[in-house]
Amino acid sequence: MKTASERLLTFDEARQAIMATAGGCLLPAEGATLADLAGRVLAEDLTAPGDVPAADNSAMDGYAVRHAEIAGATTASPVTLPVAGFSDAGHPLESLPPGQAAYIATGGLLPAGADTIVKIEDVEVAADQRQVVFRSVPPPGSFVRARGRDMQEGATVLRKGDLLGPFEIGVVASLGRMGVRVRQRPRVAILTSGDELVMPFESPSPWQVRNANTAVLAASIRESGGEPLDLGIVRDDPDRAAAALELAADLADLVVTSGGVSLGRRDPFVTAFQTLQVRPVVHGVAMKPGKPLFFGLLAGRPVFGLPGNQASSAVTFQLFVRPYLARMQGRHQPDLPALVLPLARAIDNPTRRDHFLRGTIVAGEPAATGVSRAEPLERQDSHLLSSLAGSSILIRHPGDRPRLEAGEPVTCLALR
């Protein structure tokens, strides 16, 4: 384990070292039905078995015509056509006789012979609906959804490694698939340490703290596609910590501990890692919050030791554990979405460590034309969980930049 005198890894060095081990932790694939696809990661490419839409149809309520037959229509010289029939969604009119028009609903099949849709707002319809008058002409092919415009037969529409959200699941259904192959959900064991911790429903003494970290980690694991296994609070005893850690590694695909990973006298997981011969990969990162972060492998099982301070635990999960879980599930892009925004105000960083500040995106003035800015929150202490509840981004302040001025571009990582 790292001693206090050893050089800390930079954030980028630590992340690279940790993620380099993820390739050997790819989870097996399994079948899942449509109802169980939300938040899963595809383990196969999906191709379209046919064109979607399967035939030309209408994007508007209106009238289907041959463009050439209304090409000369003007307000002064309108064109009147008899109505041949109706083509509603699910009730098609198969063909359009020459010299006639057909009412067509949105999604209705384009009758054979028709090539253009005129919006219903742009025509005059006789009271008996048997004739329709055209006083203007749209471009040829207007409002026609061409066959295969959405998906063409044989095209790959979703790829292995894609995250399945509501829209991707809609694509799966439109392909006629009732189920697909996805990666198994990672089982993640949570161990929280501290003699000062009590359950959320308990009334704490002045020296005690309600355990919020487990709730935050469990929700974060679910949001990352995993299944949390809450193994409870481990008291500050290295033997108990080692026994709990050994059980966690047997039950889960990945273990997350919270607290007990600094170099203090009562940090039980540091001793437990040594007792169980956890191979250390990272212990200590030049970042704020999150300096005590630990990562190692217990018989090939990834183990993250997160700091006990609430904001530190939550931030290090987002920066390290979340992308690791994404890679275990085969995600193409495991990182938090990043964007570059100008700073709303100047910030200082005297620590020489990368500082990840909780912040929000504020709209520019005026809102219609102004540039959005990254606004750091005022309170950044590592124990302040409430500041995370009000933040939507993490603003990265590099350790080699003691001061960033208002307006300077900064990298922001989206939390939501």
Foldseek 3Di string as FASTA:
>chain_A
DDDPPDDAAALVRLQVLQLVLLVVQAFDKDKDFLVPQAQFFAQFWDAFQAWVVNAKAFQAFFKFAAQVQQVPAAQVRKDKAFEPEEFEQVRGDAADDPRHIYTYHHNGHRHPPTFEGDHHVQWDADPVRGMIIHRDGDPTNPRMDGTRPVHHRGDGDDGGQDTDHPVNSVVCVVSVDRMHMTGDAFEEEEEEEEPQEDDPVDDHDPSHDHPPQVVLVQVVSVSLRHHYDYPDYQYQDQVSLLVSVVVRQVPGQAYEYEALQAPDPRSNVVSSCVVQVFAWSHAAYLEPPWGGWTWTARPSRIYIYFYNQRQRRNVCCLQHVSLSSSVSRRHPDRHFDKDKFFAQFKDFDPSLGKYWFFWAWDAAVVNVPGGIHTYGDPDGDSNDPVSNVVGFWTWIDHSVDRMDGGGDITMIGGPD
